Protein backbone atom coordinates (compact mmCIF):
# COMPACT_ATOMS: atom_id res chain seq x y z
CA UNK A 1 0.00 0.00 0.00
CA UNK A 2 1.50 3.35 -0.99
CA UNK A 3 1.19 6.19 1.49
CA UNK A 4 -1.12 7.92 -1.00
CA UNK A 5 -3.67 5.26 -0.07
CA UNK A 6 -3.20 5.78 3.69
CA UNK A 7 -5.83 7.69 5.61
CA UNK A 8 -5.16 11.42 5.63
CA UNK A 9 -4.49 11.47 9.40
CA UNK A 10 -1.66 8.94 8.97
CA UNK A 11 -0.21 10.93 6.07
CA UNK A 12 -0.14 14.09 8.23
CA UNK A 13 1.55 12.17 11.05
CA UNK A 14 4.17 10.86 8.65
CA UNK A 15 4.78 14.40 7.31
CA UNK A 16 5.19 15.76 10.86
CA UNK A 17 7.62 12.99 11.75
CA UNK A 18 9.77 13.60 8.66
CA UNK A 19 9.62 17.38 9.24
CA UNK A 20 11.02 16.86 12.74
CA UNK A 21 13.56 14.22 11.71
CA UNK A 22 16.89 15.08 13.27
CA UNK A 23 15.50 17.88 15.45
CA UNK A 24 13.10 17.82 18.38
CA UNK A 25 9.63 18.82 17.16
CA UNK A 26 9.55 21.64 19.73
CA UNK A 27 12.66 23.15 18.12
CA UNK A 28 11.08 22.91 14.67
CA UNK A 29 7.93 24.63 15.96
CA UNK A 30 9.98 27.36 17.72
CA UNK A 31 11.85 28.00 14.46
CA UNK A 32 8.50 28.74 12.82
CA UNK A 33 7.87 31.72 15.13
CA UNK A 34 8.85 35.17 13.82
CA UNK A 35 11.00 36.46 16.68
CA UNK A 36 12.00 39.66 14.82
CA UNK A 37 15.60 39.25 16.03
CA UNK A 38 18.51 37.04 14.99
CA UNK A 39 18.33 33.77 16.97
CA UNK A 40 21.75 32.49 17.96
CA UNK A 41 20.53 29.02 19.02
CA UNK A 42 17.53 27.00 20.14
CA UNK A 43 17.64 25.30 23.52
CA UNK A 44 15.77 22.07 24.22
CA UNK A 45 15.07 20.41 27.56
CA UNK A 46 16.47 23.48 29.30
CA UNK A 47 16.96 23.54 33.07
CA UNK A 48 17.29 26.90 34.78
CA UNK A 49 20.25 27.25 37.13
CA UNK A 50 20.16 30.71 38.68
CA UNK A 51 20.39 33.19 35.79
CA UNK A 52 21.66 30.54 33.34
CA UNK A 53 20.26 27.55 31.49
CA UNK A 54 21.76 24.13 30.90
CA UNK A 55 20.23 22.58 27.78
CA UNK A 56 20.67 20.66 24.57
CA UNK A 57 21.52 23.12 21.81
CA UNK A 58 20.29 23.10 18.21
CA UNK A 59 21.13 25.33 15.23
CA UNK A 60 23.98 27.12 16.99
CA UNK A 61 24.77 29.93 14.57
CA UNK A 62 28.31 30.30 15.93
CA UNK A 63 28.91 26.66 14.93
CA UNK A 64 30.83 26.10 18.15
CA UNK A 65 28.32 23.48 19.32
CA UNK A 66 26.87 20.56 17.38
CA UNK A 67 23.16 19.76 17.47
CA UNK A 68 22.27 17.86 20.64
CA UNK A 69 25.31 18.97 22.64
CA UNK A 70 24.80 20.04 26.24
CA UNK A 71 25.62 23.70 26.82
CA UNK A 72 25.39 26.24 29.61
CA UNK A 73 24.33 29.77 28.70
CA UNK A 74 25.82 32.91 30.15
CA UNK A 75 23.39 34.79 32.43
CA UNK A 76 20.16 35.52 30.51
CA UNK A 77 16.83 37.23 31.08
CA UNK A 78 13.51 36.57 29.42
CA UNK A 79 12.64 39.12 26.75
CA UNK A 80 9.39 37.64 25.47
CA UNK A 81 7.15 34.58 25.60
CA UNK A 82 5.32 33.47 22.48
CA UNK A 83 3.37 30.34 21.61
CA UNK A 84 4.75 28.57 24.68
CA UNK A 85 8.38 29.39 23.91
CA UNK A 86 10.72 31.86 25.65
CA UNK A 87 13.09 34.29 23.98
CA UNK A 88 16.02 35.05 26.28
CA UNK A 89 18.90 37.47 25.86
CA UNK A 90 22.44 37.74 27.21
CA UNK A 91 24.16 40.95 28.25
CA UNK A 92 26.28 40.54 25.10
CA UNK A 93 23.18 40.65 22.91
CA UNK A 94 22.86 36.97 21.98
CA UNK A 95 19.31 35.62 21.71
CA UNK A 96 18.28 32.06 22.48
CA UNK A 97 14.86 30.44 22.25
CA UNK A 98 13.90 28.03 24.99
CA UNK A 99 11.84 25.47 23.07
CA UNK A 100 11.20 23.24 26.08
CA UNK A 101 12.00 23.71 29.75
CA UNK A 102 12.33 21.25 32.61
CA UNK A 103 10.03 22.08 35.52
CA UNK A 104 11.74 22.78 38.80
PDB file of N, CA and C in Angstrom:
ATOM      1  N   UNK A   1       0.851  -1.175   0.000  1.00  0.00           N
ATOM      2  CA  UNK A   1       0.000   0.000   0.000  1.00  0.00           C
ATOM      3  C   UNK A   1       0.894   1.235   0.000  1.00  0.00           C
ATOM      4  N   UNK A   2       0.725   2.103  -0.967  1.00  0.00           N
ATOM      5  CA  UNK A   2       1.497   3.347  -0.988  1.00  0.00           C
ATOM      6  C   UNK A   2       0.909   4.299   0.031  1.00  0.00           C
ATOM      7  N   UNK A   3       1.720   5.269   0.492  1.00  0.00           N
ATOM      8  CA  UNK A   3       1.193   6.189   1.493  1.00  0.00           C
ATOM      9  C   UNK A   3       0.127   7.112   0.910  1.00  0.00           C
ATOM     10  N   UNK A   4      -0.026   7.148  -0.398  1.00  0.00           N
ATOM     11  CA  UNK A   4      -1.117   7.918  -0.998  1.00  0.00           C
ATOM     12  C   UNK A   4      -2.466   7.282  -0.688  1.00  0.00           C
ATOM     13  N   UNK A   5      -2.450   5.975  -0.389  1.00  0.00           N
ATOM     14  CA  UNK A   5      -3.670   5.262  -0.068  1.00  0.00           C
ATOM     15  C   UNK A   5      -3.953   5.266   1.434  1.00  0.00           C
ATOM     16  N   UNK A   6      -3.009   5.748   2.244  1.00  0.00           N
ATOM     17  CA  UNK A   6      -3.200   5.785   3.690  1.00  0.00           C
ATOM     18  C   UNK A   6      -4.245   6.832   4.024  1.00  0.00           C
ATOM     19  N   UNK A   7      -4.907   6.643   5.151  1.00  0.00           N
ATOM     20  CA  UNK A   7      -5.833   7.694   5.609  1.00  0.00           C
ATOM     21  C   UNK A   7      -5.080   9.010   5.788  1.00  0.00           C
ATOM     22  N   UNK A   8      -5.789  10.102   5.565  1.00  0.00           N
ATOM     23  CA  UNK A   8      -5.158  11.424   5.627  1.00  0.00           C
ATOM     24  C   UNK A   8      -4.486  11.684   6.967  1.00  0.00           C
ATOM     25  N   UNK A   9      -5.086  11.235   8.078  1.00  0.00           N
ATOM     26  CA  UNK A   9      -4.492  11.469   9.395  1.00  0.00           C
ATOM     27  C   UNK A   9      -3.134  10.800   9.517  1.00  0.00           C
ATOM     28  N   UNK A  10      -2.967   9.610   8.936  1.00  0.00           N
ATOM     29  CA  UNK A  10      -1.665   8.940   8.969  1.00  0.00           C
ATOM     30  C   UNK A  10      -0.666   9.665   8.087  1.00  0.00           C
ATOM     31  N   UNK A  11      -1.107  10.178   6.941  1.00  0.00           N
ATOM     32  CA  UNK A  11      -0.210  10.929   6.068  1.00  0.00           C
ATOM     33  C   UNK A  11       0.313  12.164   6.786  1.00  0.00           C
ATOM     34  N   UNK A  12      -0.573  12.893   7.485  1.00  0.00           N
ATOM     35  CA  UNK A  12      -0.137  14.088   8.226  1.00  0.00           C
ATOM     36  C   UNK A  12       0.865  13.717   9.308  1.00  0.00           C
ATOM     37  N   UNK A  13       0.617  12.621  10.016  1.00  0.00           N
ATOM     38  CA  UNK A  13       1.549  12.170  11.054  1.00  0.00           C
ATOM     39  C   UNK A  13       2.907  11.847  10.481  1.00  0.00           C
ATOM     40  N   UNK A  14       2.904  11.195   9.308  1.00  0.00           N
ATOM     41  CA  UNK A  14       4.170  10.864   8.647  1.00  0.00           C
ATOM     42  C   UNK A  14       4.897  12.141   8.223  1.00  0.00           C
ATOM     43  N   UNK A  15       4.162  13.132   7.711  1.00  0.00           N
ATOM     44  CA  UNK A  15       4.777  14.401   7.311  1.00  0.00           C
ATOM     45  C   UNK A  15       5.376  15.111   8.521  1.00  0.00           C
ATOM     46  N   UNK A  16       4.664  15.118   9.650  1.00  0.00           N
ATOM     47  CA  UNK A  16       5.188  15.759  10.863  1.00  0.00           C
ATOM     48  C   UNK A  16       6.451  15.072  11.323  1.00  0.00           C
ATOM     49  N   UNK A  17       6.452  13.736  11.300  1.00  0.00           N
ATOM     50  CA  UNK A  17       7.616  12.991  11.746  1.00  0.00           C
ATOM     51  C   UNK A  17       8.819  13.297  10.865  1.00  0.00           C
ATOM     52  N   UNK A  18       8.638  13.325   9.543  1.00  0.00           N
ATOM     53  CA  UNK A  18       9.772  13.597   8.664  1.00  0.00           C
ATOM     54  C   UNK A  18      10.201  15.057   8.776  1.00  0.00           C
ATOM     55  N   UNK A  19       9.261  15.967   9.066  1.00  0.00           N
ATOM     56  CA  UNK A  19       9.622  17.379   9.237  1.00  0.00           C
ATOM     57  C   UNK A  19      10.484  17.565  10.471  1.00  0.00           C
ATOM     58  N   UNK A  20      10.275  16.732  11.485  1.00  0.00           N
ATOM     59  CA  UNK A  20      11.022  16.855  12.739  1.00  0.00           C
ATOM     60  C   UNK A  20      12.252  15.963  12.763  1.00  0.00           C
ATOM     61  N   UNK A  21      12.457  15.178  11.722  1.00  0.00           N
ATOM     62  CA  UNK A  21      13.557  14.222  11.709  1.00  0.00           C
ATOM     63  C   UNK A  21      14.878  14.942  11.951  1.00  0.00           C
ATOM     64  N   UNK A  22      15.601  14.489  12.962  1.00  0.00           N
ATOM     65  CA  UNK A  22      16.893  15.077  13.270  1.00  0.00           C
ATOM     66  C   UNK A  22      16.835  16.209  14.276  1.00  0.00           C
ATOM     67  N   UNK A  23      15.672  16.802  14.483  1.00  0.00           N
ATOM     68  CA  UNK A  23      15.502  17.883  15.454  1.00  0.00           C
ATOM     69  C   UNK A  23      14.286  17.579  16.314  1.00  0.00           C
ATOM     70  N   UNK A  24      14.313  17.961  17.584  1.00  0.00           N
ATOM     71  CA  UNK A  24      13.099  17.823  18.380  1.00  0.00           C
ATOM     72  C   UNK A  24      11.977  18.654  17.761  1.00  0.00           C
ATOM     73  N   UNK A  25      10.772  18.118  17.767  1.00  0.00           N
ATOM     74  CA  UNK A  25       9.634  18.824  17.158  1.00  0.00           C
ATOM     75  C   UNK A  25       9.417  20.198  17.775  1.00  0.00           C
ATOM     76  N   UNK A  26       9.704  20.338  19.082  1.00  0.00           N
ATOM     77  CA  UNK A  26       9.550  21.645  19.730  1.00  0.00           C
ATOM     78  C   UNK A  26      10.490  22.674  19.119  1.00  0.00           C
ATOM     79  N   UNK A  27      11.689  22.244  18.758  1.00  0.00           N
ATOM     80  CA  UNK A  27      12.657  23.152  18.122  1.00  0.00           C
ATOM     81  C   UNK A  27      12.133  23.560  16.746  1.00  0.00           C
ATOM     82  N   UNK A  28      11.619  22.611  15.995  1.00  0.00           N
ATOM     83  CA  UNK A  28      11.079  22.910  14.665  1.00  0.00           C
ATOM     84  C   UNK A  28       9.935  23.914  14.792  1.00  0.00           C
ATOM     85  N   UNK A  29       9.051  23.701  15.771  1.00  0.00           N
ATOM     86  CA  UNK A  29       7.931  24.635  15.961  1.00  0.00           C
ATOM     87  C   UNK A  29       8.436  26.013  16.386  1.00  0.00           C
ATOM     88  N   UNK A  30       9.430  26.069  17.268  1.00  0.00           N
ATOM     89  CA  UNK A  30       9.978  27.358  17.719  1.00  0.00           C
ATOM     90  C   UNK A  30      10.642  28.105  16.564  1.00  0.00           C
ATOM     91  N   UNK A  31      11.230  27.376  15.623  1.00  0.00           N
ATOM     92  CA  UNK A  31      11.846  28.001  14.458  1.00  0.00           C
ATOM     93  C   UNK A  31      10.801  28.659  13.562  1.00  0.00           C
ATOM     94  N   UNK A  32       9.568  28.186  13.645  1.00  0.00           N
ATOM     95  CA  UNK A  32       8.501  28.744  12.823  1.00  0.00           C
ATOM     96  C   UNK A  32       7.927  30.049  13.349  1.00  0.00           C
ATOM     97  N   UNK A  33       8.352  30.462  14.536  1.00  0.00           N
ATOM     98  CA  UNK A  33       7.873  31.716  15.130  1.00  0.00           C
ATOM     99  C   UNK A  33       8.736  32.865  14.608  1.00  0.00           C
ATOM    100  N   UNK A  34       8.102  33.977  14.249  1.00  0.00           N
ATOM    101  CA  UNK A  34       8.847  35.166  13.821  1.00  0.00           C
ATOM    102  C   UNK A  34       9.253  35.936  15.073  1.00  0.00           C
ATOM    103  N   UNK A  35      10.505  35.813  15.460  1.00  0.00           N
ATOM    104  CA  UNK A  35      11.001  36.456  16.678  1.00  0.00           C
ATOM    105  C   UNK A  35      11.449  37.892  16.423  1.00  0.00           C
ATOM    106  N   UNK A  36      11.588  38.294  15.199  1.00  0.00           N
ATOM    107  CA  UNK A  36      11.999  39.656  14.816  1.00  0.00           C
ATOM    108  C   UNK A  36      13.403  40.027  15.283  1.00  0.00           C
ATOM    109  N   UNK A  37      14.189  39.041  15.699  1.00  0.00           N
ATOM    110  CA  UNK A  37      15.601  39.248  16.026  1.00  0.00           C
ATOM    111  C   UNK A  37      16.369  38.030  15.506  1.00  0.00           C
ATOM    112  N   UNK A  38      17.665  38.161  15.379  1.00  0.00           N
ATOM    113  CA  UNK A  38      18.512  37.038  14.993  1.00  0.00           C
ATOM    114  C   UNK A  38      18.570  36.064  16.169  1.00  0.00           C
ATOM    115  N   UNK A  39      18.272  34.788  15.924  1.00  0.00           N
ATOM    116  CA  UNK A  39      18.328  33.773  16.973  1.00  0.00           C
ATOM    117  C   UNK A  39      19.670  33.056  16.865  1.00  0.00           C
ATOM    118  N   UNK A  40      20.426  33.094  17.958  1.00  0.00           N
ATOM    119  CA  UNK A  40      21.754  32.485  17.965  1.00  0.00           C
ATOM    120  C   UNK A  40      21.710  30.970  18.144  1.00  0.00           C
ATOM    121  N   UNK A  41      20.687  30.468  18.847  1.00  0.00           N
ATOM    122  CA  UNK A  41      20.532  29.024  19.021  1.00  0.00           C
ATOM    123  C   UNK A  41      19.182  28.738  19.664  1.00  0.00           C
ATOM    124  N   UNK A  42      18.761  27.491  19.511  1.00  0.00           N
ATOM    125  CA  UNK A  42      17.529  27.003  20.136  1.00  0.00           C
ATOM    126  C   UNK A  42      17.927  26.019  21.226  1.00  0.00           C
ATOM    127  N   UNK A  43      17.303  26.146  22.375  1.00  0.00           N
ATOM    128  CA  UNK A  43      17.637  25.303  23.517  1.00  0.00           C
ATOM    129  C   UNK A  43      16.468  24.374  23.822  1.00  0.00           C
ATOM    130  N   UNK A  44      16.780  23.102  23.985  1.00  0.00           N
ATOM    131  CA  UNK A  44      15.770  22.070  24.221  1.00  0.00           C
ATOM    132  C   UNK A  44      16.043  21.412  25.566  1.00  0.00           C
ATOM    133  N   UNK A  45      14.972  21.073  26.263  1.00  0.00           N
ATOM    134  CA  UNK A  45      15.072  20.407  27.556  1.00  0.00           C
ATOM    135  C   UNK A  45      15.941  21.237  28.510  1.00  0.00           C
ATOM    136  N   UNK A  46      15.664  22.526  28.536  1.00  0.00           N
ATOM    137  CA  UNK A  46      16.471  23.479  29.298  1.00  0.00           C
ATOM    138  C   UNK A  46      16.117  23.429  30.785  1.00  0.00           C
ATOM    139  N   UNK A  47      17.133  23.487  31.611  1.00  0.00           N
ATOM    140  CA  UNK A  47      16.962  23.543  33.066  1.00  0.00           C
ATOM    141  C   UNK A  47      17.583  24.840  33.558  1.00  0.00           C
ATOM    142  N   UNK A  48      16.799  25.621  34.269  1.00  0.00           N
ATOM    143  CA  UNK A  48      17.288  26.901  34.780  1.00  0.00           C
ATOM    144  C   UNK A  48      18.159  26.660  36.010  1.00  0.00           C
ATOM    145  N   UNK A  49      19.326  27.310  36.009  1.00  0.00           N
ATOM    146  CA  UNK A  49      20.252  27.252  37.131  1.00  0.00           C
ATOM    147  C   UNK A  49      20.628  28.693  37.441  1.00  0.00           C
ATOM    148  N   UNK A  50      19.937  29.296  38.393  1.00  0.00           N
ATOM    149  CA  UNK A  50      20.155  30.715  38.677  1.00  0.00           C
ATOM    150  C   UNK A  50      19.736  31.556  37.488  1.00  0.00           C
ATOM    151  N   UNK A  51      20.675  32.337  36.957  1.00  0.00           N
ATOM    152  CA  UNK A  51      20.392  33.187  35.791  1.00  0.00           C
ATOM    153  C   UNK A  51      20.803  32.524  34.479  1.00  0.00           C
ATOM    154  N   UNK A  52      21.176  31.267  34.526  1.00  0.00           N
ATOM    155  CA  UNK A  52      21.658  30.536  33.343  1.00  0.00           C
ATOM    156  C   UNK A  52      20.736  29.360  33.040  1.00  0.00           C
ATOM    157  N   UNK A  53      20.942  28.783  31.868  1.00  0.00           N
ATOM    158  CA  UNK A  53      20.262  27.552  31.494  1.00  0.00           C
ATOM    159  C   UNK A  53      21.296  26.514  31.089  1.00  0.00           C
ATOM    160  N   UNK A  54      21.019  25.275  31.428  1.00  0.00           N
ATOM    161  CA  UNK A  54      21.760  24.132  30.899  1.00  0.00           C
ATOM    162  C   UNK A  54      20.770  23.415  29.998  1.00  0.00           C
ATOM    163  N   UNK A  55      21.173  23.129  28.754  1.00  0.00           N
ATOM    164  CA  UNK A  55      20.229  22.584  27.784  1.00  0.00           C
ATOM    165  C   UNK A  55      20.955  21.886  26.649  1.00  0.00           C
ATOM    166  N   UNK A  56      20.171  21.199  25.838  1.00  0.00           N
ATOM    167  CA  UNK A  56      20.672  20.659  24.575  1.00  0.00           C
ATOM    168  C   UNK A  56      20.509  21.763  23.541  1.00  0.00           C
ATOM    169  N   UNK A  57      21.533  22.006  22.759  1.00  0.00           N
ATOM    170  CA  UNK A  57      21.521  23.121  21.809  1.00  0.00           C
ATOM    171  C   UNK A  57      21.282  22.606  20.392  1.00  0.00           C
ATOM    172  N   UNK A  58      20.550  23.406  19.622  1.00  0.00           N
ATOM    173  CA  UNK A  58      20.289  23.101  18.208  1.00  0.00           C
ATOM    174  C   UNK A  58      20.432  24.369  17.385  1.00  0.00           C
ATOM    175  N   UNK A  59      20.945  24.215  16.179  1.00  0.00           N
ATOM    176  CA  UNK A  59      21.131  25.327  15.230  1.00  0.00           C
ATOM    177  C   UNK A  59      21.950  26.465  15.822  1.00  0.00           C
ATOM    178  N   UNK A  60      23.059  26.118  16.434  1.00  0.00           N
ATOM    179  CA  UNK A  60      23.975  27.121  16.986  1.00  0.00           C
ATOM    180  C   UNK A  60      24.607  27.873  15.821  1.00  0.00           C
ATOM    181  N   UNK A  61      24.282  29.136  15.691  1.00  0.00           N
ATOM    182  CA  UNK A  61      24.767  29.933  14.566  1.00  0.00           C
ATOM    183  C   UNK A  61      26.262  30.208  14.631  1.00  0.00           C
ATOM    184  N   UNK A  62      26.860  30.119  15.818  1.00  0.00           N
ATOM    185  CA  UNK A  62      28.308  30.305  15.926  1.00  0.00           C
ATOM    186  C   UNK A  62      29.062  29.066  15.454  1.00  0.00           C
ATOM    187  N   UNK A  63      28.348  27.952  15.345  1.00  0.00           N
ATOM    188  CA  UNK A  63      28.906  26.664  14.934  1.00  0.00           C
ATOM    189  C   UNK A  63      29.955  26.130  15.897  1.00  0.00           C
ATOM    190  N   UNK A  64      29.922  26.608  17.121  1.00  0.00           N
ATOM    191  CA  UNK A  64      30.828  26.097  18.149  1.00  0.00           C
ATOM    192  C   UNK A  64      30.284  24.816  18.773  1.00  0.00           C
ATOM    193  N   UNK A  65      28.958  24.648  18.720  1.00  0.00           N
ATOM    194  CA  UNK A  65      28.316  23.477  19.317  1.00  0.00           C
ATOM    195  C   UNK A  65      27.527  22.724  18.258  1.00  0.00           C
ATOM    196  N   UNK A  66      27.622  21.400  18.309  1.00  0.00           N
ATOM    197  CA  UNK A  66      26.866  20.564  17.382  1.00  0.00           C
ATOM    198  C   UNK A  66      25.475  20.323  17.934  1.00  0.00           C
ATOM    199  N   UNK A  67      24.528  20.055  17.045  1.00  0.00           N
ATOM    200  CA  UNK A  67      23.161  19.758  17.470  1.00  0.00           C
ATOM    201  C   UNK A  67      23.156  18.640  18.499  1.00  0.00           C
ATOM    202  N   UNK A  68      22.417  18.865  19.587  1.00  0.00           N
ATOM    203  CA  UNK A  68      22.268  17.857  20.636  1.00  0.00           C
ATOM    204  C   UNK A  68      23.318  17.928  21.727  1.00  0.00           C
ATOM    205  N   UNK A  69      24.302  18.829  21.589  1.00  0.00           N
ATOM    206  CA  UNK A  69      25.314  18.973  22.636  1.00  0.00           C
ATOM    207  C   UNK A  69      24.710  19.682  23.843  1.00  0.00           C
ATOM    208  N   UNK A  70      25.219  19.355  25.021  1.00  0.00           N
ATOM    209  CA  UNK A  70      24.803  20.037  26.241  1.00  0.00           C
ATOM    210  C   UNK A  70      25.632  21.311  26.386  1.00  0.00           C
ATOM    211  N   UNK A  71      24.946  22.414  26.646  1.00  0.00           N
ATOM    212  CA  UNK A  71      25.619  23.697  26.819  1.00  0.00           C
ATOM    213  C   UNK A  71      25.077  24.392  28.057  1.00  0.00           C
ATOM    214  N   UNK A  72      25.838  25.354  28.540  1.00  0.00           N
ATOM    215  CA  UNK A  72      25.385  26.244  29.606  1.00  0.00           C
ATOM    216  C   UNK A  72      25.444  27.661  29.046  1.00  0.00           C
ATOM    217  N   UNK A  73      24.362  28.403  29.213  1.00  0.00           N
ATOM    218  CA  UNK A  73      24.333  29.773  28.704  1.00  0.00           C
ATOM    219  C   UNK A  73      25.030  30.700  29.689  1.00  0.00           C
ATOM    220  N   UNK A  74      25.439  31.857  29.216  1.00  0.00           N
ATOM    221  CA  UNK A  74      25.817  32.910  30.153  1.00  0.00           C
ATOM    222  C   UNK A  74      24.532  33.385  30.846  1.00  0.00           C
ATOM    223  N   UNK A  75      24.615  34.272  31.813  1.00  0.00           N
ATOM    224  CA  UNK A  75      23.388  34.788  32.428  1.00  0.00           C
ATOM    225  C   UNK A  75      22.456  35.378  31.361  1.00  0.00           C
ATOM    226  N   UNK A  76      21.166  35.059  31.472  1.00  0.00           N
ATOM    227  CA  UNK A  76      20.161  35.521  30.513  1.00  0.00           C
ATOM    228  C   UNK A  76      18.941  36.043  31.260  1.00  0.00           C
ATOM    229  N   UNK A  77      18.139  36.825  30.551  1.00  0.00           N
ATOM    230  CA  UNK A  77      16.834  37.231  31.075  1.00  0.00           C
ATOM    231  C   UNK A  77      15.812  37.059  29.962  1.00  0.00           C
ATOM    232  N   UNK A  78      14.581  36.810  30.377  1.00  0.00           N
ATOM    233  CA  UNK A  78      13.513  36.566  29.419  1.00  0.00           C
ATOM    234  C   UNK A  78      13.067  37.886  28.802  1.00  0.00           C
ATOM    235  N   UNK A  79      13.049  37.932  27.482  1.00  0.00           N
ATOM    236  CA  UNK A  79      12.639  39.123  26.746  1.00  0.00           C
ATOM    237  C   UNK A  79      11.164  39.023  26.358  1.00  0.00           C
ATOM    238  N   UNK A  80      10.742  37.806  25.989  1.00  0.00           N
ATOM    239  CA  UNK A  80       9.386  37.638  25.473  1.00  0.00           C
ATOM    240  C   UNK A  80       8.989  36.168  25.536  1.00  0.00           C
ATOM    241  N   UNK A  81       7.699  35.928  25.697  1.00  0.00           N
ATOM    242  CA  UNK A  81       7.149  34.578  25.601  1.00  0.00           C
ATOM    243  C   UNK A  81       6.118  34.578  24.485  1.00  0.00           C
ATOM    244  N   UNK A  82       6.224  33.567  23.621  1.00  0.00           N
ATOM    245  CA  UNK A  82       5.316  33.474  22.477  1.00  0.00           C
ATOM    246  C   UNK A  82       5.043  32.014  22.157  1.00  0.00           C
ATOM    247  N   UNK A  83       3.781  31.683  22.011  1.00  0.00           N
ATOM    248  CA  UNK A  83       3.372  30.340  21.606  1.00  0.00           C
ATOM    249  C   UNK A  83       3.990  29.246  22.478  1.00  0.00           C
ATOM    250  N   UNK A  84       4.189  29.548  23.754  1.00  0.00           N
ATOM    251  CA  UNK A  84       4.746  28.569  24.682  1.00  0.00           C
ATOM    252  C   UNK A  84       6.258  28.501  24.697  1.00  0.00           C
ATOM    253  N   UNK A  85       6.925  29.356  23.954  1.00  0.00           N
ATOM    254  CA  UNK A  85       8.384  29.391  23.905  1.00  0.00           C
ATOM    255  C   UNK A  85       8.880  30.686  24.547  1.00  0.00           C
ATOM    256  N   UNK A  86      10.122  30.670  25.045  1.00  0.00           N
ATOM    257  CA  UNK A  86      10.718  31.859  25.655  1.00  0.00           C
ATOM    258  C   UNK A  86      11.896  32.353  24.827  1.00  0.00           C
ATOM    259  N   UNK A  87      11.934  33.642  24.594  1.00  0.00           N
ATOM    260  CA  UNK A  87      13.086  34.295  23.977  1.00  0.00           C
ATOM    261  C   UNK A  87      13.885  34.906  25.109  1.00  0.00           C
ATOM    262  N   UNK A  88      15.147  34.503  25.237  1.00  0.00           N
ATOM    263  CA  UNK A  88      16.018  35.046  26.277  1.00  0.00           C
ATOM    264  C   UNK A  88      17.198  35.749  25.629  1.00  0.00           C
ATOM    265  N   UNK A  89      17.792  36.660  26.385  1.00  0.00           N
ATOM    266  CA  UNK A  89      18.901  37.470  25.856  1.00  0.00           C
ATOM    267  C   UNK A  89      20.032  37.530  26.867  1.00  0.00           C
ATOM    268  N   UNK A  90      21.263  37.565  26.357  1.00  0.00           N
ATOM    269  CA  UNK A  90      22.437  37.735  27.208  1.00  0.00           C
ATOM    270  C   UNK A  90      22.815  39.211  27.251  1.00  0.00           C
ATOM    271  N   UNK A  91      23.663  39.568  28.185  1.00  0.00           N
ATOM    272  CA  UNK A  91      24.159  40.946  28.252  1.00  0.00           C
ATOM    273  C   UNK A  91      24.932  41.305  26.985  1.00  0.00           C
ATOM    274  N   UNK A  92      25.535  40.309  26.334  1.00  0.00           N
ATOM    275  CA  UNK A  92      26.284  40.539  25.101  1.00  0.00           C
ATOM    276  C   UNK A  92      25.412  40.671  23.863  1.00  0.00           C
ATOM    277  N   UNK A  93      24.091  40.468  24.030  1.00  0.00           N
ATOM    278  CA  UNK A  93      23.182  40.652  22.905  1.00  0.00           C
ATOM    279  C   UNK A  93      22.790  39.386  22.160  1.00  0.00           C
ATOM    280  N   UNK A  94      23.269  38.218  22.625  1.00  0.00           N
ATOM    281  CA  UNK A  94      22.864  36.966  21.983  1.00  0.00           C
ATOM    282  C   UNK A  94      21.440  36.627  22.390  1.00  0.00           C
ATOM    283  N   UNK A  95      20.693  36.039  21.455  1.00  0.00           N
ATOM    284  CA  UNK A  95      19.312  35.622  21.707  1.00  0.00           C
ATOM    285  C   UNK A  95      19.204  34.115  21.551  1.00  0.00           C
ATOM    286  N   UNK A  96      18.549  33.493  22.523  1.00  0.00           N
ATOM    287  CA  UNK A  96      18.278  32.064  22.481  1.00  0.00           C
ATOM    288  C   UNK A  96      16.781  31.863  22.655  1.00  0.00           C
ATOM    289  N   UNK A  97      16.262  30.804  22.043  1.00  0.00           N
ATOM    290  CA  UNK A  97      14.865  30.441  22.245  1.00  0.00           C
ATOM    291  C   UNK A  97      14.833  29.156  23.062  1.00  0.00           C
ATOM    292  N   UNK A  98      14.111  29.207  24.179  1.00  0.00           N
ATOM    293  CA  UNK A  98      13.903  28.025  24.995  1.00  0.00           C
ATOM    294  C   UNK A  98      12.692  27.307  24.394  1.00  0.00           C
ATOM    295  N   UNK A  99      12.932  26.174  23.740  1.00  0.00           N
ATOM    296  CA  UNK A  99      11.837  25.467  23.072  1.00  0.00           C
ATOM    297  C   UNK A  99      11.134  24.498  24.019  1.00  0.00           C
ATOM    298  N   UNK A 100      11.828  24.032  25.037  1.00  0.00           N
ATOM    299  CA  UNK A 100      11.196  23.236  26.085  1.00  0.00           C
ATOM    300  C   UNK A 100      12.034  23.401  27.348  1.00  0.00           C
ATOM    301  N   UNK A 101      11.334  23.439  28.481  1.00  0.00           N
ATOM    302  CA  UNK A 101      12.002  23.708  29.751  1.00  0.00           C
ATOM    303  C   UNK A 101      11.606  22.653  30.765  1.00  0.00           C
ATOM    304  N   UNK A 102      12.583  22.205  31.535  1.00  0.00           N
ATOM    305  CA  UNK A 102      12.332  21.255  32.613  1.00  0.00           C
ATOM    306  C   UNK A 102      11.674  22.012  33.765  1.00  0.00           C
ATOM    307  N   UNK A 103      10.669  21.422  34.363  1.00  0.00           N
ATOM    308  CA  UNK A 103      10.028  22.083  35.521  1.00  0.00           C
ATOM    309  C   UNK A 103      10.905  21.874  36.753  1.00  0.00           C
ATOM    310  N   UNK A 104      10.896  22.881  37.610  1.00  0.00           N
ATOM    311  CA  UNK A 104      11.740  22.782  38.803  1.00  0.00           C
ATOM    312  C   UNK A 104      10.972  22.338  40.004  1.00  0.00           C
TER     313      UNK A 104
END
